PDB file of N, CA and C in Angstrom:
ATOM      1  N   MET A   1      57.927  86.933  54.790  1.00  0.00           N
ATOM      2  CA  MET A   1      57.612  87.313  56.141  1.00  0.00           C
ATOM      3  C   MET A   1      56.910  86.147  56.821  1.00  0.00           C
ATOM      4  N   ASP A   2      57.338  85.858  58.032  1.00  0.00           N
ATOM      5  CA  ASP A   2      56.724  84.792  58.821  1.00  0.00           C
ATOM      6  C   ASP A   2      55.753  85.369  59.843  1.00  0.00           C
ATOM      7  N   PHE A   3      54.705  84.620  60.107  1.00  0.00           N
ATOM      8  CA  PHE A   3      53.745  84.982  61.140  1.00  0.00           C
ATOM      9  C   PHE A   3      53.714  83.887  62.198  1.00  0.00           C
ATOM     10  N   GLY A   4      53.448  84.285  63.417  1.00  0.00           N
ATOM     11  CA  GLY A   4      53.324  83.331  64.504  1.00  0.00           C
ATOM     12  C   GLY A   4      52.267  83.778  65.491  1.00  0.00           C
ATOM     13  N   LEU A   5      51.868  82.873  66.353  1.00  0.00           N
ATOM     14  CA  LEU A   5      50.943  83.198  67.439  1.00  0.00           C
ATOM     15  C   LEU A   5      51.724  83.237  68.742  1.00  0.00           C
ATOM     16  N   PHE A   6      51.508  84.293  69.509  1.00  0.00           N
ATOM     17  CA  PHE A   6      52.176  84.471  70.794  1.00  0.00           C
ATOM     18  C   PHE A   6      51.121  84.533  71.888  1.00  0.00           C
ATOM     19  N   TYR A   7      51.228  83.698  72.881  1.00  0.00           N
ATOM     20  CA  TYR A   7      50.275  83.678  73.988  1.00  0.00           C
ATOM     21  C   TYR A   7      50.908  84.298  75.228  1.00  0.00           C
ATOM     22  N   PHE A   8      50.977  85.634  75.227  1.00  0.00           N
ATOM     23  CA  PHE A   8      51.583  86.392  76.328  1.00  0.00           C
ATOM     24  C   PHE A   8      50.617  87.485  76.764  1.00  0.00           C
ATOM     25  N   ALA A   9      49.432  87.160  77.131  1.00  0.00           N
ATOM     26  CA  ALA A   9      48.435  88.185  77.409  1.00  0.00           C
ATOM     27  C   ALA A   9      48.236  88.411  78.896  1.00  0.00           C
ATOM     28  N   ASN A  10      47.880  89.631  79.227  1.00  0.00           N
ATOM     29  CA  ASN A  10      47.429  89.959  80.572  1.00  0.00           C
ATOM     30  C   ASN A  10      45.923  89.767  80.565  1.00  0.00           C
ATOM     31  N   ASP A  11      45.434  88.885  81.384  1.00  0.00           N
ATOM     32  CA  ASP A  11      44.027  88.524  81.304  1.00  0.00           C
ATOM     33  C   ASP A  11      43.439  88.385  82.696  1.00  0.00           C
ATOM     34  N   ASN A  12      42.557  89.289  83.041  1.00  0.00           N
ATOM     35  CA  ASN A  12      41.890  89.238  84.339  1.00  0.00           C
ATOM     36  C   ASN A  12      40.442  88.778  84.218  1.00  0.00           C
ATOM     37  N   GLU A  13      40.021  88.451  83.009  1.00  0.00           N
ATOM     38  CA  GLU A  13      38.643  88.039  82.783  1.00  0.00           C
ATOM     39  C   GLU A  13      38.513  86.524  82.927  1.00  0.00           C
ATOM     40  N   ASP A  14      37.327  86.020  82.613  1.00  0.00           N
ATOM     41  CA  ASP A  14      37.070  84.582  82.673  1.00  0.00           C
ATOM     42  C   ASP A  14      38.059  83.841  81.773  1.00  0.00           C
ATOM     43  N   VAL A  15      38.744  82.879  82.331  1.00  0.00           N
ATOM     44  CA  VAL A  15      39.787  82.171  81.582  1.00  0.00           C
ATOM     45  C   VAL A  15      39.385  80.739  81.206  1.00  0.00           C
ATOM     46  N   SER A  16      38.121  80.405  81.357  1.00  0.00           N
ATOM     47  CA  SER A  16      37.689  79.016  81.184  1.00  0.00           C
ATOM     48  C   SER A  16      37.911  78.482  79.767  1.00  0.00           C
ATOM     49  N   ASP A  17      37.939  79.334  78.761  1.00  0.00           N
ATOM     50  CA  ASP A  17      38.109  78.870  77.383  1.00  0.00           C
ATOM     51  C   ASP A  17      39.498  79.143  76.818  1.00  0.00           C
ATOM     52  N   ARG A  18      40.441  79.537  77.631  1.00  0.00           N
ATOM     53  CA  ARG A  18      41.754  79.940  77.112  1.00  0.00           C
ATOM     54  C   ARG A  18      42.562  78.780  76.543  1.00  0.00           C
ATOM     55  N   TYR A  19      42.476  77.605  77.127  1.00  0.00           N
ATOM     56  CA  TYR A  19      43.212  76.469  76.556  1.00  0.00           C
ATOM     57  C   TYR A  19      42.576  76.028  75.244  1.00  0.00           C
ATOM     58  N   ARG A  20      41.265  76.128  75.162  1.00  0.00           N
ATOM     59  CA  ARG A  20      40.596  75.853  73.886  1.00  0.00           C
ATOM     60  C   ARG A  20      41.067  76.853  72.834  1.00  0.00           C
ATOM     61  N   LEU A  21      41.204  78.120  73.232  1.00  0.00           N
ATOM     62  CA  LEU A  21      41.709  79.140  72.314  1.00  0.00           C
ATOM     63  C   LEU A  21      43.119  78.783  71.836  1.00  0.00           C
ATOM     64  N   LEU A  22      43.975  78.326  72.742  1.00  0.00           N
ATOM     65  CA  LEU A  22      45.329  77.912  72.370  1.00  0.00           C
ATOM     66  C   LEU A  22      45.289  76.795  71.329  1.00  0.00           C
ATOM     67  N   ILE A  23      44.501  75.774  71.575  1.00  0.00           N
ATOM     68  CA  ILE A  23      44.444  74.622  70.670  1.00  0.00           C
ATOM     69  C   ILE A  23      43.839  75.004  69.323  1.00  0.00           C
ATOM     70  N   GLU A  24      42.737  75.734  69.344  1.00  0.00           N
ATOM     71  CA  GLU A  24      42.111  76.152  68.084  1.00  0.00           C
ATOM     72  C   GLU A  24      43.011  77.118  67.322  1.00  0.00           C
ATOM     73  N   GLY A  25      43.678  78.012  68.041  1.00  0.00           N
ATOM     74  CA  GLY A  25      44.628  78.920  67.397  1.00  0.00           C
ATOM     75  C   GLY A  25      45.772  78.164  66.757  1.00  0.00           C
ATOM     76  N   ALA A  26      46.272  77.150  67.436  1.00  0.00           N
ATOM     77  CA  ALA A  26      47.361  76.339  66.891  1.00  0.00           C
ATOM     78  C   ALA A  26      46.922  75.606  65.623  1.00  0.00           C
ATOM     79  N   LYS A  27      45.719  75.073  65.635  1.00  0.00           N
ATOM     80  CA  LYS A  27      45.200  74.404  64.436  1.00  0.00           C
ATOM     81  C   LYS A  27      45.090  75.387  63.276  1.00  0.00           C
ATOM     82  N   PHE A  28      44.589  76.592  63.570  1.00  0.00           N
ATOM     83  CA  PHE A  28      44.482  77.631  62.548  1.00  0.00           C
ATOM     84  C   PHE A  28      45.863  77.974  62.002  1.00  0.00           C
ATOM     85  N   ALA A  29      46.819  78.178  62.895  1.00  0.00           N
ATOM     86  CA  ALA A  29      48.181  78.521  62.484  1.00  0.00           C
ATOM     87  C   ALA A  29      48.774  77.424  61.605  1.00  0.00           C
ATOM     88  N   ASP A  30      48.522  76.191  61.955  1.00  0.00           N
ATOM     89  CA  ASP A  30      49.056  75.057  61.209  1.00  0.00           C
ATOM     90  C   ASP A  30      48.487  75.002  59.795  1.00  0.00           C
ATOM     91  N   THR A  31      47.195  75.204  59.667  1.00  0.00           N
ATOM     92  CA  THR A  31      46.559  75.103  58.349  1.00  0.00           C
ATOM     93  C   THR A  31      46.752  76.349  57.498  1.00  0.00           C
ATOM     94  N   HIS A  32      47.201  77.444  58.107  1.00  0.00           N
ATOM     95  CA  HIS A  32      47.404  78.687  57.358  1.00  0.00           C
ATOM     96  C   HIS A  32      48.883  79.069  57.261  1.00  0.00           C
ATOM     97  N   ASP A  33      49.744  78.090  57.399  1.00  0.00           N
ATOM     98  CA  ASP A  33      51.188  78.254  57.180  1.00  0.00           C
ATOM     99  C   ASP A  33      51.853  79.300  58.067  1.00  0.00           C
ATOM    100  N   PHE A  34      51.405  79.428  59.300  1.00  0.00           N
ATOM    101  CA  PHE A  34      52.122  80.263  60.261  1.00  0.00           C
ATOM    102  C   PHE A  34      53.439  79.565  60.593  1.00  0.00           C
ATOM    103  N   ALA A  35      54.409  80.334  61.030  1.00  0.00           N
ATOM    104  CA  ALA A  35      55.727  79.772  61.318  1.00  0.00           C
ATOM    105  C   ALA A  35      55.762  79.040  62.654  1.00  0.00           C
ATOM    106  N   ALA A  36      55.133  79.614  63.694  1.00  0.00           N
ATOM    107  CA  ALA A  36      55.286  79.039  65.035  1.00  0.00           C
ATOM    108  C   ALA A  36      54.148  79.448  65.959  1.00  0.00           C
ATOM    109  N   VAL A  37      53.989  78.670  67.010  1.00  0.00           N
ATOM    110  CA  VAL A  37      53.112  78.999  68.141  1.00  0.00           C
ATOM    111  C   VAL A  37      54.021  79.078  69.365  1.00  0.00           C
ATOM    112  N   TRP A  38      53.939  80.194  70.076  1.00  0.00           N
ATOM    113  CA  TRP A  38      54.805  80.464  71.227  1.00  0.00           C
ATOM    114  C   TRP A  38      53.983  80.520  72.509  1.00  0.00           C
ATOM    115  N   THR A  39      54.453  79.849  73.557  1.00  0.00           N
ATOM    116  CA  THR A  39      53.856  79.997  74.886  1.00  0.00           C
ATOM    117  C   THR A  39      54.971  80.280  75.889  1.00  0.00           C
ATOM    118  N   PRO A  40      54.658  81.019  76.936  1.00  0.00           N
ATOM    119  CA  PRO A  40      55.674  81.378  77.923  1.00  0.00           C
ATOM    120  C   PRO A  40      55.650  80.444  79.132  1.00  0.00           C
ATOM    121  N   GLU A  41      56.552  80.693  80.025  1.00  0.00           N
ATOM    122  CA  GLU A  41      56.463  80.127  81.374  1.00  0.00           C
ATOM    123  C   GLU A  41      56.203  81.291  82.314  1.00  0.00           C
ATOM    124  N   ARG A  42      55.027  81.313  82.906  1.00  0.00           N
ATOM    125  CA  ARG A  42      54.665  82.365  83.855  1.00  0.00           C
ATOM    126  C   ARG A  42      53.942  81.710  85.017  1.00  0.00           C
ATOM    127  N   HIS A  43      54.142  82.246  86.212  1.00  0.00           N
ATOM    128  CA  HIS A  43      53.544  81.656  87.404  1.00  0.00           C
ATOM    129  C   HIS A  43      52.840  82.713  88.242  1.00  0.00           C
ATOM    130  N   PHE A  44      51.613  82.418  88.657  1.00  0.00           N
ATOM    131  CA  PHE A  44      50.894  83.177  89.682  1.00  0.00           C
ATOM    132  C   PHE A  44      50.755  84.658  89.359  1.00  0.00           C
ATOM    133  N   HIS A  45      50.511  84.969  88.108  1.00  0.00           N
ATOM    134  CA  HIS A  45      50.367  86.367  87.718  1.00  0.00           C
ATOM    135  C   HIS A  45      49.399  86.431  86.548  1.00  0.00           C
ATOM    136  N   ALA A  46      48.626  87.511  86.473  1.00  0.00           N
ATOM    137  CA  ALA A  46      47.666  87.656  85.383  1.00  0.00           C
ATOM    138  C   ALA A  46      48.362  87.703  84.025  1.00  0.00           C
ATOM    139  N   PHE A  47      49.590  88.211  83.973  1.00  0.00           N
ATOM    140  CA  PHE A  47      50.314  88.289  82.702  1.00  0.00           C
ATOM    141  C   PHE A  47      50.904  86.919  82.364  1.00  0.00           C
ATOM    142  N   GLY A  48      50.179  86.167  81.578  1.00  0.00           N
ATOM    143  CA  GLY A  48      50.659  84.866  81.129  1.00  0.00           C
ATOM    144  C   GLY A  48      50.534  83.739  82.123  1.00  0.00           C
ATOM    145  N   GLY A  49      49.896  83.969  83.254  1.00  0.00           N
ATOM    146  CA  GLY A  49      49.824  82.975  84.314  1.00  0.00           C
ATOM    147  C   GLY A  49      49.123  81.681  83.953  1.00  0.00           C
ATOM    148  N   LEU A  50      48.380  81.684  82.871  1.00  0.00           N
ATOM    149  CA  LEU A  50      47.731  80.454  82.410  1.00  0.00           C
ATOM    150  C   LEU A  50      48.721  79.441  81.860  1.00  0.00           C
ATOM    151  N   TYR A  51      49.940  79.871  81.632  1.00  0.00           N
ATOM    152  CA  TYR A  51      50.919  79.019  80.960  1.00  0.00           C
ATOM    153  C   TYR A  51      52.116  78.755  81.864  1.00  0.00           C
ATOM    154  N   PRO A  52      51.979  77.881  82.868  1.00  0.00           N
ATOM    155  CA  PRO A  52      53.070  77.651  83.806  1.00  0.00           C
ATOM    156  C   PRO A  52      54.159  76.724  83.274  1.00  0.00           C
ATOM    157  N   ASN A  53      53.893  75.987  82.204  1.00  0.00           N
ATOM    158  CA  ASN A  53      54.898  75.057  81.698  1.00  0.00           C
ATOM    159  C   ASN A  53      54.817  74.986  80.175  1.00  0.00           C
ATOM    160  N   PRO A  54      55.719  75.664  79.473  1.00  0.00           N
ATOM    161  CA  PRO A  54      55.642  75.672  78.009  1.00  0.00           C
ATOM    162  C   PRO A  54      55.885  74.302  77.381  1.00  0.00           C
ATOM    163  N   ALA A  55      56.560  73.403  78.070  1.00  0.00           N
ATOM    164  CA  ALA A  55      56.739  72.050  77.529  1.00  0.00           C
ATOM    165  C   ALA A  55      55.399  71.322  77.462  1.00  0.00           C
ATOM    166  N   VAL A  56      54.552  71.519  78.448  1.00  0.00           N
ATOM    167  CA  VAL A  56      53.235  70.869  78.466  1.00  0.00           C
ATOM    168  C   VAL A  56      52.312  71.496  77.430  1.00  0.00           C
ATOM    169  N   THR A  57      52.247  72.828  77.396  1.00  0.00           N
ATOM    170  CA  THR A  57      51.396  73.467  76.387  1.00  0.00           C
ATOM    171  C   THR A  57      51.940  73.195  74.991  1.00  0.00           C
ATOM    172  N   GLY A  58      53.258  73.141  74.862  1.00  0.00           N
ATOM    173  CA  GLY A  58      53.855  72.806  73.573  1.00  0.00           C
ATOM    174  C   GLY A  58      53.496  71.396  73.128  1.00  0.00           C
ATOM    175  N   ALA A  59      53.458  70.465  74.061  1.00  0.00           N
ATOM    176  CA  ALA A  59      53.058  69.095  73.736  1.00  0.00           C
ATOM    177  C   ALA A  59      51.607  69.052  73.274  1.00  0.00           C
ATOM    178  N   ALA A  60      50.758  69.842  73.906  1.00  0.00           N
ATOM    179  CA  ALA A  60      49.354  69.905  73.488  1.00  0.00           C
ATOM    180  C   ALA A  60      49.244  70.465  72.076  1.00  0.00           C
ATOM    181  N   VAL A  61      50.023  71.496  71.782  1.00  0.00           N
ATOM    182  CA  VAL A  61      50.030  72.077  70.434  1.00  0.00           C
ATOM    183  C   VAL A  61      50.553  71.049  69.427  1.00  0.00           C
ATOM    184  N   ALA A  62      51.637  70.378  69.756  1.00  0.00           N
ATOM    185  CA  ALA A  62      52.223  69.391  68.844  1.00  0.00           C
ATOM    186  C   ALA A  62      51.263  68.245  68.543  1.00  0.00           C
ATOM    187  N   ALA A  63      50.419  67.905  69.504  1.00  0.00           N
ATOM    188  CA  ALA A  63      49.489  66.794  69.319  1.00  0.00           C
ATOM    189  C   ALA A  63      48.403  67.088  68.292  1.00  0.00           C
ATOM    190  N   VAL A  64      48.113  68.368  68.048  1.00  0.00           N
ATOM    191  CA  VAL A  64      47.017  68.712  67.139  1.00  0.00           C
ATOM    192  C   VAL A  64      47.494  69.417  65.873  1.00  0.00           C
ATOM    193  N   THR A  65      48.804  69.497  65.673  1.00  0.00           N
ATOM    194  CA  THR A  65      49.347  70.166  64.489  1.00  0.00           C
ATOM    195  C   THR A  65      50.308  69.234  63.757  1.00  0.00           C
ATOM    196  N   GLU A  66      50.645  69.634  62.523  1.00  0.00           N
ATOM    197  CA  GLU A  66      51.577  68.838  61.720  1.00  0.00           C
ATOM    198  C   GLU A  66      52.809  69.623  61.283  1.00  0.00           C
ATOM    199  N   ARG A  67      52.660  70.918  61.001  1.00  0.00           N
ATOM    200  CA  ARG A  67      53.740  71.678  60.391  1.00  0.00           C
ATOM    201  C   ARG A  67      54.249  72.843  61.221  1.00  0.00           C
ATOM    202  N   VAL A  68      53.407  73.463  61.985  1.00  0.00           N
ATOM    203  CA  VAL A  68      53.795  74.675  62.707  1.00  0.00           C
ATOM    204  C   VAL A  68      54.843  74.339  63.776  1.00  0.00           C
ATOM    205  N   ALA A  69      55.817  75.226  63.938  1.00  0.00           N
ATOM    206  CA  ALA A  69      56.848  75.022  64.957  1.00  0.00           C
ATOM    207  C   ALA A  69      56.290  75.349  66.336  1.00  0.00           C
ATOM    208  N   VAL A  70      56.755  74.621  67.327  1.00  0.00           N
ATOM    209  CA  VAL A  70      56.347  74.832  68.716  1.00  0.00           C
ATOM    210  C   VAL A  70      57.515  75.494  69.430  1.00  0.00           C
ATOM    211  N   ARG A  71      57.255  76.661  70.033  1.00  0.00           N
ATOM    212  CA  ARG A  71      58.329  77.435  70.648  1.00  0.00           C
ATOM    213  C   ARG A  71      57.960  77.857  72.063  1.00  0.00           C
ATOM    214  N   ALA A  72      58.983  77.995  72.894  1.00  0.00           N
ATOM    215  CA  ALA A  72      58.818  78.540  74.245  1.00  0.00           C
ATOM    216  C   ALA A  72      59.315  79.975  74.229  1.00  0.00           C
ATOM    217  N   GLY A  73      58.449  80.887  74.614  1.00  0.00           N
ATOM    218  CA  GLY A  73      58.864  82.276  74.711  1.00  0.00           C
ATOM    219  C   GLY A  73      59.777  82.500  75.889  1.00  0.00           C
ATOM    220  N   SER A  74      59.658  81.644  76.878  1.00  0.00           N
ATOM    221  CA  SER A  74      60.541  81.714  78.037  1.00  0.00           C
ATOM    222  C   SER A  74      60.468  80.402  78.804  1.00  0.00           C
ATOM    223  N   VAL A  75      61.583  80.044  79.386  1.00  0.00           N
ATOM    224  CA  VAL A  75      61.667  78.950  80.350  1.00  0.00           C
ATOM    225  C   VAL A  75      62.495  79.508  81.496  1.00  0.00           C
ATOM    226  N   VAL A  76      61.937  79.543  82.680  1.00  0.00           N
ATOM    227  CA  VAL A  76      62.621  80.127  83.833  1.00  0.00           C
ATOM    228  C   VAL A  76      63.551  79.059  84.409  1.00  0.00           C
ATOM    229  N   ALA A  77      64.731  78.976  83.839  1.00  0.00           N
ATOM    230  CA  ALA A  77      65.673  77.903  84.160  1.00  0.00           C
ATOM    231  C   ALA A  77      66.022  77.790  85.649  1.00  0.00           C
ATOM    232  N   PRO A  78      66.186  78.884  86.393  1.00  0.00           N
ATOM    233  CA  PRO A  78      66.537  78.728  87.807  1.00  0.00           C
ATOM    234  C   PRO A  78      65.476  78.005  88.648  1.00  0.00           C
ATOM    235  N   LEU A  79      64.258  77.901  88.133  1.00  0.00           N
ATOM    236  CA  LEU A  79      63.206  77.205  88.868  1.00  0.00           C
ATOM    237  C   LEU A  79      63.221  75.696  88.633  1.00  0.00           C
ATOM    238  N   HIS A  80      64.067  75.224  87.736  1.00  0.00           N
ATOM    239  CA  HIS A  80      64.038  73.817  87.334  1.00  0.00           C
ATOM    240  C   HIS A  80      65.445  73.235  87.304  1.00  0.00           C
ATOM    241  N   HIS A  81      65.515  71.941  87.492  1.00  0.00           N
ATOM    242  CA  HIS A  81      66.787  71.242  87.320  1.00  0.00           C
ATOM    243  C   HIS A  81      67.097  71.207  85.815  1.00  0.00           C
ATOM    244  N   PRO A  82      68.330  71.485  85.411  1.00  0.00           N
ATOM    245  CA  PRO A  82      68.656  71.539  83.984  1.00  0.00           C
ATOM    246  C   PRO A  82      68.391  70.231  83.235  1.00  0.00           C
ATOM    247  N   VAL A  83      68.571  69.106  83.902  1.00  0.00           N
ATOM    248  CA  VAL A  83      68.294  67.824  83.252  1.00  0.00           C
ATOM    249  C   VAL A  83      66.803  67.688  82.978  1.00  0.00           C
ATOM    250  N   ARG A  84      65.987  68.180  83.902  1.00  0.00           N
ATOM    251  CA  ARG A  84      64.533  68.120  83.714  1.00  0.00           C
ATOM    252  C   ARG A  84      64.103  68.960  82.516  1.00  0.00           C
ATOM    253  N   VAL A  85      64.664  70.151  82.377  1.00  0.00           N
ATOM    254  CA  VAL A  85      64.341  71.002  81.224  1.00  0.00           C
ATOM    255  C   VAL A  85      64.737  70.287  79.931  1.00  0.00           C
ATOM    256  N   ALA A  86      65.940  69.740  79.889  1.00  0.00           N
ATOM    257  CA  ALA A  86      66.396  69.026  78.695  1.00  0.00           C
ATOM    258  C   ALA A  86      65.497  67.831  78.388  1.00  0.00           C
ATOM    259  N   GLU A  87      65.108  67.115  79.421  1.00  0.00           N
ATOM    260  CA  GLU A  87      64.252  65.945  79.239  1.00  0.00           C
ATOM    261  C   GLU A  87      62.885  66.344  78.691  1.00  0.00           C
ATOM    262  N   GLU A  88      62.268  67.364  79.268  1.00  0.00           N
ATOM    263  CA  GLU A  88      60.938  67.783  78.821  1.00  0.00           C
ATOM    264  C   GLU A  88      60.945  68.216  77.362  1.00  0.00           C
ATOM    265  N   TRP A  89      61.980  68.916  76.944  1.00  0.00           N
ATOM    266  CA  TRP A  89      62.016  69.440  75.582  1.00  0.00           C
ATOM    267  C   TRP A  89      62.560  68.442  74.570  1.00  0.00           C
ATOM    268  N   SER A  90      63.160  67.367  75.022  1.00  0.00           N
ATOM    269  CA  SER A  90      63.695  66.393  74.071  1.00  0.00           C
ATOM    270  C   SER A  90      62.635  65.424  73.566  1.00  0.00           C
ATOM    271  N   VAL A  91      61.527  65.354  74.250  1.00  0.00           N
ATOM    272  CA  VAL A  91      60.494  64.387  73.875  1.00  0.00           C
ATOM    273  C   VAL A  91      59.715  64.873  72.711  1.00  0.00           C
TER     274      VAL A  91
END
């Protein structure tokens, strides 16, 4: 059985430490053999709104981990040029 971390929360409270939570959670997942860390693409809404670009949050996760997979729970393709999406995820 695989375990992963999913950052898809509805959060109306203080969000000042949420990116720290993402990074620390990713480090924990990496050292405890979790399969993946998932972030969504959400805009201007309490449900996941802290994560407007999963390529950027994924890059932050990749920078502090070695083994855990980095995944996007969603990418809203109609909002982006397809070449841009391919470019962001190919790096």
